[in-house]
């Protein structure tokens, strides 16, 4: 498993949603874009690690502006 933690990653539009108290709307929008581009994420991780991505999980703490991208990799035999 590989994990990437990001801090201070909110775009200006995302920050505006958080400032308006629209935390769920922000999560829904980011999640939509994360999974719409999932194949690109997988391709990069697979190319860099030389291993197949078995699963991808994305999450964000909107109050603290910390995000985590988790890639479960297939074990090498």
PDB file of N, CA and C in Angstrom:
ATOM      1  N   UNK A   1       0.850  -1.169   0.000  1.00  0.00           N
ATOM      2  CA  UNK A   1       0.000   0.000   0.000  1.00  0.00           C
ATOM      3  C   UNK A   1       0.895   1.232   0.000  1.00  0.00           C
ATOM      4  N   UNK A   2       0.560   2.181  -0.818  1.00  0.00           N
ATOM      5  CA  UNK A   2       1.248   3.470  -0.860  1.00  0.00           C
ATOM      6  C   UNK A   2       0.239   4.545  -0.490  1.00  0.00           C
ATOM      7  N   UNK A   3       0.674   5.484   0.329  1.00  0.00           N
ATOM      8  CA  UNK A   3      -0.202   6.554   0.791  1.00  0.00           C
ATOM      9  C   UNK A   3       0.464   7.889   0.508  1.00  0.00           C
ATOM     10  N   UNK A   4      -0.285   8.821  -0.024  1.00  0.00           N
ATOM     11  CA  UNK A   4       0.207  10.174  -0.268  1.00  0.00           C
ATOM     12  C   UNK A   4      -0.669  11.128   0.536  1.00  0.00           C
ATOM     13  N   UNK A   5      -0.045  11.881   1.440  1.00  0.00           N
ATOM     14  CA  UNK A   5      -0.783  12.859   2.245  1.00  0.00           C
ATOM     15  C   UNK A   5      -0.470  14.253   1.727  1.00  0.00           C
ATOM     16  N   UNK A   6      -1.516  15.032   1.494  1.00  0.00           N
ATOM     17  CA  UNK A   6      -1.383  16.389   0.976  1.00  0.00           C
ATOM     18  C   UNK A   6      -1.942  17.371   1.989  1.00  0.00           C
ATOM     19  N   UNK A   7      -1.231  18.478   2.176  1.00  0.00           N
ATOM     20  CA  UNK A   7      -1.730  19.543   3.050  1.00  0.00           C
ATOM     21  C   UNK A   7      -1.810  20.838   2.260  1.00  0.00           C
ATOM     22  N   UNK A   8      -2.725  21.710   2.654  1.00  0.00           N
ATOM     23  CA  UNK A   8      -2.931  22.988   1.952  1.00  0.00           C
ATOM     24  C   UNK A   8      -3.176  22.752   0.466  1.00  0.00           C
ATOM     25  N   UNK A   9      -4.083  21.828   0.162  1.00  0.00           N
ATOM     26  CA  UNK A   9      -4.326  21.441  -1.231  1.00  0.00           C
ATOM     27  C   UNK A   9      -5.617  21.999  -1.802  1.00  0.00           C
ATOM     28  N   UNK A  10      -6.376  22.739  -1.030  1.00  0.00           N
ATOM     29  CA  UNK A  10      -7.651  23.253  -1.519  1.00  0.00           C
ATOM     30  C   UNK A  10      -7.433  24.321  -2.585  1.00  0.00           C
ATOM     31  N   UNK A  11      -8.227  24.232  -3.648  1.00  0.00           N
ATOM     32  CA  UNK A  11      -8.212  25.271  -4.680  1.00  0.00           C
ATOM     33  C   UNK A  11      -8.997  26.476  -4.136  1.00  0.00           C
ATOM     34  N   UNK A  12      -8.878  27.634  -4.764  1.00  0.00           N
ATOM     35  CA  UNK A  12      -9.667  28.786  -4.304  1.00  0.00           C
ATOM     36  C   UNK A  12     -11.173  28.498  -4.280  1.00  0.00           C
ATOM     37  N   UNK A  13     -11.687  27.783  -5.267  1.00  0.00           N
ATOM     38  CA  UNK A  13     -13.117  27.462  -5.293  1.00  0.00           C
ATOM     39  C   UNK A  13     -13.481  26.526  -4.144  1.00  0.00           C
ATOM     40  N   UNK A  14     -12.627  25.548  -3.863  1.00  0.00           N
ATOM     41  CA  UNK A  14     -12.880  24.629  -2.752  1.00  0.00           C
ATOM     42  C   UNK A  14     -12.829  25.372  -1.425  1.00  0.00           C
ATOM     43  N   UNK A  15     -11.872  26.270  -1.272  1.00  0.00           N
ATOM     44  CA  UNK A  15     -11.749  27.068  -0.046  1.00  0.00           C
ATOM     45  C   UNK A  15     -13.022  27.893   0.152  1.00  0.00           C
ATOM     46  N   UNK A  16     -13.562  28.453  -0.935  1.00  0.00           N
ATOM     47  CA  UNK A  16     -14.795  29.249  -0.844  1.00  0.00           C
ATOM     48  C   UNK A  16     -15.950  28.395  -0.349  1.00  0.00           C
ATOM     49  N   UNK A  17     -16.058  27.147  -0.839  1.00  0.00           N
ATOM     50  CA  UNK A  17     -17.117  26.252  -0.368  1.00  0.00           C
ATOM     51  C   UNK A  17     -16.964  25.968   1.124  1.00  0.00           C
ATOM     52  N   UNK A  18     -15.747  25.713   1.558  1.00  0.00           N
ATOM     53  CA  UNK A  18     -15.496  25.456   2.984  1.00  0.00           C
ATOM     54  C   UNK A  18     -15.851  26.690   3.808  1.00  0.00           C
ATOM     55  N   UNK A  19     -15.432  27.868   3.338  1.00  0.00           N
ATOM     56  CA  UNK A  19     -15.733  29.113   4.058  1.00  0.00           C
ATOM     57  C   UNK A  19     -17.237  29.359   4.171  1.00  0.00           C
ATOM     58  N   UNK A  20     -18.000  28.868   3.195  1.00  0.00           N
ATOM     59  CA  UNK A  20     -19.460  28.989   3.224  1.00  0.00           C
ATOM     60  C   UNK A  20     -20.114  27.893   4.059  1.00  0.00           C
ATOM     61  N   UNK A  21     -19.292  26.986   4.592  1.00  0.00           N
ATOM     62  CA  UNK A  21     -19.828  25.895   5.390  1.00  0.00           C
ATOM     63  C   UNK A  21     -20.352  24.734   4.548  1.00  0.00           C
ATOM     64  N   UNK A  22     -20.030  24.734   3.274  1.00  0.00           N
ATOM     65  CA  UNK A  22     -20.503  23.710   2.334  1.00  0.00           C
ATOM     66  C   UNK A  22     -19.517  22.538   2.268  1.00  0.00           C
ATOM     67  N   UNK A  23     -19.239  21.937   3.413  1.00  0.00           N
ATOM     68  CA  UNK A  23     -18.239  20.862   3.493  1.00  0.00           C
ATOM     69  C   UNK A  23     -18.641  19.632   2.677  1.00  0.00           C
ATOM     70  N   UNK A  24     -19.889  19.233   2.762  1.00  0.00           N
ATOM     71  CA  UNK A  24     -20.311  18.046   2.018  1.00  0.00           C
ATOM     72  C   UNK A  24     -20.313  18.307   0.517  1.00  0.00           C
ATOM     73  N   UNK A  25     -20.745  19.491   0.114  1.00  0.00           N
ATOM     74  CA  UNK A  25     -20.718  19.835  -1.318  1.00  0.00           C
ATOM     75  C   UNK A  25     -19.282  19.798  -1.830  1.00  0.00           C
ATOM     76  N   UNK A  26     -18.350  20.326  -1.032  1.00  0.00           N
ATOM     77  CA  UNK A  26     -16.930  20.283  -1.399  1.00  0.00           C
ATOM     78  C   UNK A  26     -16.460  18.832  -1.541  1.00  0.00           C
ATOM     79  N   UNK A  27     -16.763  17.988  -0.543  1.00  0.00           N
ATOM     80  CA  UNK A  27     -16.342  16.575  -0.597  1.00  0.00           C
ATOM     81  C   UNK A  27     -16.917  15.883  -1.836  1.00  0.00           C
ATOM     82  N   UNK A  28     -18.199  16.117  -2.097  1.00  0.00           N
ATOM     83  CA  UNK A  28     -18.840  15.490  -3.249  1.00  0.00           C
ATOM     84  C   UNK A  28     -18.175  15.921  -4.560  1.00  0.00           C
ATOM     85  N   UNK A  29     -17.890  17.208  -4.687  1.00  0.00           N
ATOM     86  CA  UNK A  29     -17.270  17.727  -5.908  1.00  0.00           C
ATOM     87  C   UNK A  29     -15.863  17.168  -6.084  1.00  0.00           C
ATOM     88  N   UNK A  30     -15.064  17.201  -5.019  1.00  0.00           N
ATOM     89  CA  UNK A  30     -13.700  16.685  -5.125  1.00  0.00           C
ATOM     90  C   UNK A  30     -13.721  15.184  -5.429  1.00  0.00           C
ATOM     91  N   UNK A  31     -14.591  14.458  -4.758  1.00  0.00           N
ATOM     92  CA  UNK A  31     -14.670  13.016  -4.979  1.00  0.00           C
ATOM     93  C   UNK A  31     -15.045  12.723  -6.434  1.00  0.00           C
ATOM     94  N   UNK A  32     -15.965  13.500  -6.972  1.00  0.00           N
ATOM     95  CA  UNK A  32     -16.354  13.316  -8.371  1.00  0.00           C
ATOM     96  C   UNK A  32     -15.145  13.455  -9.288  1.00  0.00           C
ATOM     97  N   UNK A  33     -14.365  14.522  -9.100  1.00  0.00           N
ATOM     98  CA  UNK A  33     -13.193  14.744  -9.950  1.00  0.00           C
ATOM     99  C   UNK A  33     -12.101  13.702  -9.700  1.00  0.00           C
ATOM    100  N   UNK A  34     -11.910  13.301  -8.442  1.00  0.00           N
ATOM    101  CA  UNK A  34     -10.900  12.282  -8.141  1.00  0.00           C
ATOM    102  C   UNK A  34     -11.193  10.997  -8.898  1.00  0.00           C
ATOM    103  N   UNK A  35     -12.417  10.563  -8.839  1.00  0.00           N
ATOM    104  CA  UNK A  35     -12.744   9.289  -9.472  1.00  0.00           C
ATOM    105  C   UNK A  35     -12.952   9.423 -10.978  1.00  0.00           C
ATOM    106  N   UNK A  36     -13.242  10.624 -11.470  1.00  0.00           N
ATOM    107  CA  UNK A  36     -13.328  10.848 -12.911  1.00  0.00           C
ATOM    108  C   UNK A  36     -11.950  10.728 -13.557  1.00  0.00           C
ATOM    109  N   UNK A  37     -10.900  10.993 -12.790  1.00  0.00           N
ATOM    110  CA  UNK A  37      -9.524  10.925 -13.308  1.00  0.00           C
ATOM    111  C   UNK A  37      -8.733   9.778 -12.674  1.00  0.00           C
ATOM    112  N   UNK A  38      -9.433   8.827 -12.093  1.00  0.00           N
ATOM    113  CA  UNK A  38      -8.777   7.715 -11.390  1.00  0.00           C
ATOM    114  C   UNK A  38      -7.791   6.962 -12.278  1.00  0.00           C
ATOM    115  N   UNK A  39      -8.140   6.727 -13.518  1.00  0.00           N
ATOM    116  CA  UNK A  39      -7.240   5.973 -14.401  1.00  0.00           C
ATOM    117  C   UNK A  39      -5.901   6.683 -14.563  1.00  0.00           C
ATOM    118  N   UNK A  40      -5.896   8.003 -14.633  1.00  0.00           N
ATOM    119  CA  UNK A  40      -4.633   8.760 -14.736  1.00  0.00           C
ATOM    120  C   UNK A  40      -3.792   8.551 -13.484  1.00  0.00           C
ATOM    121  N   UNK A  41      -4.439   8.626 -12.311  1.00  0.00           N
ATOM    122  CA  UNK A  41      -3.714   8.398 -11.057  1.00  0.00           C
ATOM    123  C   UNK A  41      -3.094   7.012 -11.046  1.00  0.00           C
ATOM    124  N   UNK A  42      -3.904   6.016 -11.410  1.00  0.00           N
ATOM    125  CA  UNK A  42      -3.432   4.628 -11.419  1.00  0.00           C
ATOM    126  C   UNK A  42      -2.239   4.456 -12.359  1.00  0.00           C
ATOM    127  N   UNK A  43      -2.347   5.014 -13.567  1.00  0.00           N
ATOM    128  CA  UNK A  43      -1.274   4.882 -14.554  1.00  0.00           C
ATOM    129  C   UNK A  43       0.043   5.447 -14.041  1.00  0.00           C
ATOM    130  N   UNK A  44      -0.004   6.613 -13.410  1.00  0.00           N
ATOM    131  CA  UNK A  44       1.216   7.228 -12.889  1.00  0.00           C
ATOM    132  C   UNK A  44       1.827   6.372 -11.790  1.00  0.00           C
ATOM    133  N   UNK A  45       1.012   5.937 -10.842  1.00  0.00           N
ATOM    134  CA  UNK A  45       1.516   5.121  -9.734  1.00  0.00           C
ATOM    135  C   UNK A  45       2.079   3.799 -10.257  1.00  0.00           C
ATOM    136  N   UNK A  46       1.393   3.180 -11.199  1.00  0.00           N
ATOM    137  CA  UNK A  46       1.874   1.920 -11.751  1.00  0.00           C
ATOM    138  C   UNK A  46       3.189   2.105 -12.508  1.00  0.00           C
ATOM    139  N   UNK A  47       3.311   3.193 -13.248  1.00  0.00           N
ATOM    140  CA  UNK A  47       4.550   3.461 -13.986  1.00  0.00           C
ATOM    141  C   UNK A  47       5.707   3.719 -13.033  1.00  0.00           C
ATOM    142  N   UNK A  48       5.475   4.503 -12.007  1.00  0.00           N
ATOM    143  CA  UNK A  48       6.545   4.860 -11.069  1.00  0.00           C
ATOM    144  C   UNK A  48       6.959   3.677 -10.192  1.00  0.00           C
ATOM    145  N   UNK A  49       5.982   2.893  -9.740  1.00  0.00           N
ATOM    146  CA  UNK A  49       6.297   1.786  -8.820  1.00  0.00           C
ATOM    147  C   UNK A  49       6.580   0.471  -9.538  1.00  0.00           C
ATOM    148  N   UNK A  50       6.123   0.361 -10.783  1.00  0.00           N
ATOM    149  CA  UNK A  50       6.270  -0.900 -11.497  1.00  0.00           C
ATOM    150  C   UNK A  50       5.331  -1.978 -10.979  1.00  0.00           C
ATOM    151  N   UNK A  51       4.304  -1.580 -10.249  1.00  0.00           N
ATOM    152  CA  UNK A  51       3.339  -2.524  -9.680  1.00  0.00           C
ATOM    153  C   UNK A  51       1.928  -2.111 -10.067  1.00  0.00           C
ATOM    154  N   UNK A  52       1.047  -3.098 -10.140  1.00  0.00           N
ATOM    155  CA  UNK A  52      -0.348  -2.849 -10.485  1.00  0.00           C
ATOM    156  C   UNK A  52      -1.108  -2.297  -9.277  1.00  0.00           C
ATOM    157  N   UNK A  53      -1.947  -1.293  -9.518  1.00  0.00           N
ATOM    158  CA  UNK A  53      -2.807  -0.745  -8.464  1.00  0.00           C
ATOM    159  C   UNK A  53      -4.044  -1.627  -8.363  1.00  0.00           C
ATOM    160  N   UNK A  54      -4.271  -2.183  -7.175  1.00  0.00           N
ATOM    161  CA  UNK A  54      -5.433  -3.036  -6.932  1.00  0.00           C
ATOM    162  C   UNK A  54      -6.654  -2.200  -6.550  1.00  0.00           C
ATOM    163  N   UNK A  55      -6.436  -1.105  -5.787  1.00  0.00           N
ATOM    164  CA  UNK A  55      -7.545  -0.253  -5.337  1.00  0.00           C
ATOM    165  C   UNK A  55      -7.030   1.160  -5.075  1.00  0.00           C
ATOM    166  N   UNK A  56      -7.915   2.129  -5.231  1.00  0.00           N
ATOM    167  CA  UNK A  56      -7.603   3.544  -4.990  1.00  0.00           C
ATOM    168  C   UNK A  56      -8.652   4.114  -4.050  1.00  0.00           C
ATOM    169  N   UNK A  57      -8.198   4.813  -3.013  1.00  0.00           N
ATOM    170  CA  UNK A  57      -9.109   5.423  -2.036  1.00  0.00           C
ATOM    171  C   UNK A  57      -8.666   6.868  -1.822  1.00  0.00           C
ATOM    172  N   UNK A  58      -9.620   7.786  -1.838  1.00  0.00           N
ATOM    173  CA  UNK A  58      -9.324   9.202  -1.681  1.00  0.00           C
ATOM    174  C   UNK A  58     -10.170   9.766  -0.545  1.00  0.00           C
ATOM    175  N   UNK A  59      -9.568  10.585   0.302  1.00  0.00           N
ATOM    176  CA  UNK A  59     -10.315  11.204   1.396  1.00  0.00           C
ATOM    177  C   UNK A  59      -9.749  12.571   1.743  1.00  0.00           C
ATOM    178  N   UNK A  60     -10.569  13.390   2.397  1.00  0.00           N
ATOM    179  CA  UNK A  60     -10.128  14.743   2.755  1.00  0.00           C
ATOM    180  C   UNK A  60     -10.777  15.184   4.065  1.00  0.00           C
ATOM    181  N   UNK A  61      -9.991  15.866   4.877  1.00  0.00           N
ATOM    182  CA  UNK A  61     -10.489  16.528   6.078  1.00  0.00           C
ATOM    183  C   UNK A  61     -10.649  17.996   5.702  1.00  0.00           C
ATOM    184  N   UNK A  62     -11.877  18.440   5.531  1.00  0.00           N
ATOM    185  CA  UNK A  62     -12.126  19.795   5.025  1.00  0.00           C
ATOM    186  C   UNK A  62     -11.769  20.889   6.027  1.00  0.00           C
ATOM    187  N   UNK A  63     -11.847  20.600   7.305  1.00  0.00           N
ATOM    188  CA  UNK A  63     -11.536  21.620   8.311  1.00  0.00           C
ATOM    189  C   UNK A  63     -10.040  21.881   8.428  1.00  0.00           C
ATOM    190  N   UNK A  64      -9.238  20.843   8.258  1.00  0.00           N
ATOM    191  CA  UNK A  64      -7.793  20.973   8.437  1.00  0.00           C
ATOM    192  C   UNK A  64      -7.023  21.005   7.122  1.00  0.00           C
ATOM    193  N   UNK A  65      -7.747  20.902   5.998  1.00  0.00           N
ATOM    194  CA  UNK A  65      -7.145  20.918   4.662  1.00  0.00           C
ATOM    195  C   UNK A  65      -6.025  19.883   4.541  1.00  0.00           C
ATOM    196  N   UNK A  66      -6.372  18.642   4.876  1.00  0.00           N
ATOM    197  CA  UNK A  66      -5.449  17.518   4.734  1.00  0.00           C
ATOM    198  C   UNK A  66      -6.168  16.449   3.917  1.00  0.00           C
ATOM    199  N   UNK A  67      -5.514  15.992   2.870  1.00  0.00           N
ATOM    200  CA  UNK A  67      -6.090  14.966   2.004  1.00  0.00           C
ATOM    201  C   UNK A  67      -5.163  13.764   1.968  1.00  0.00           C
ATOM    202  N   UNK A  68      -5.739  12.607   1.702  1.00  0.00           N
ATOM    203  CA  UNK A  68      -4.951  11.385   1.608  1.00  0.00           C
ATOM    204  C   UNK A  68      -5.394  10.606   0.384  1.00  0.00           C
ATOM    205  N   UNK A  69      -4.419  10.204  -0.406  1.00  0.00           N
ATOM    206  CA  UNK A  69      -4.665   9.364  -1.576  1.00  0.00           C
ATOM    207  C   UNK A  69      -3.978   8.035  -1.286  1.00  0.00           C
ATOM    208  N   UNK A  70      -4.743   6.963  -1.251  1.00  0.00           N
ATOM    209  CA  UNK A  70      -4.207   5.651  -0.890  1.00  0.00           C
ATOM    210  C   UNK A  70      -4.314   4.723  -2.099  1.00  0.00           C
ATOM    211  N   UNK A  71      -3.213   4.079  -2.412  1.00  0.00           N
ATOM    212  CA  UNK A  71      -3.157   3.125  -3.506  1.00  0.00           C
ATOM    213  C   UNK A  71      -2.772   1.769  -2.947  1.00  0.00           C
ATOM    214  N   UNK A  72      -3.657   0.800  -3.067  1.00  0.00           N
ATOM    215  CA  UNK A  72      -3.348  -0.571  -2.664  1.00  0.00           C
ATOM    216  C   UNK A  72      -2.719  -1.240  -3.877  1.00  0.00           C
ATOM    217  N   UNK A  73      -1.504  -1.719  -3.715  1.00  0.00           N
ATOM    218  CA  UNK A  73      -0.768  -2.310  -4.822  1.00  0.00           C
ATOM    219  C   UNK A  73      -0.814  -3.827  -4.759  1.00  0.00           C
ATOM    220  N   UNK A  74      -0.809  -4.469  -5.917  1.00  0.00           N
ATOM    221  CA  UNK A  74      -0.763  -5.923  -5.990  1.00  0.00           C
ATOM    222  C   UNK A  74       0.633  -6.359  -5.554  1.00  0.00           C
ATOM    223  N   UNK A  75       0.676  -7.356  -4.666  1.00  0.00           N
ATOM    224  CA  UNK A  75       1.963  -7.862  -4.208  1.00  0.00           C
ATOM    225  C   UNK A  75       2.700  -8.536  -5.349  1.00  0.00           C
ATOM    226  N   UNK A  76       3.994  -8.355  -5.358  1.00  0.00           N
ATOM    227  CA  UNK A  76       4.811  -9.035  -6.360  1.00  0.00           C
ATOM    228  C   UNK A  76       4.945 -10.495  -5.962  1.00  0.00           C
ATOM    229  N   UNK A  77       4.929 -11.371  -6.944  1.00  0.00           N
ATOM    230  CA  UNK A  77       5.068 -12.799  -6.611  1.00  0.00           C
ATOM    231  C   UNK A  77       6.508 -13.258  -6.771  1.00  0.00           C
TER     232      UNK A  77
END
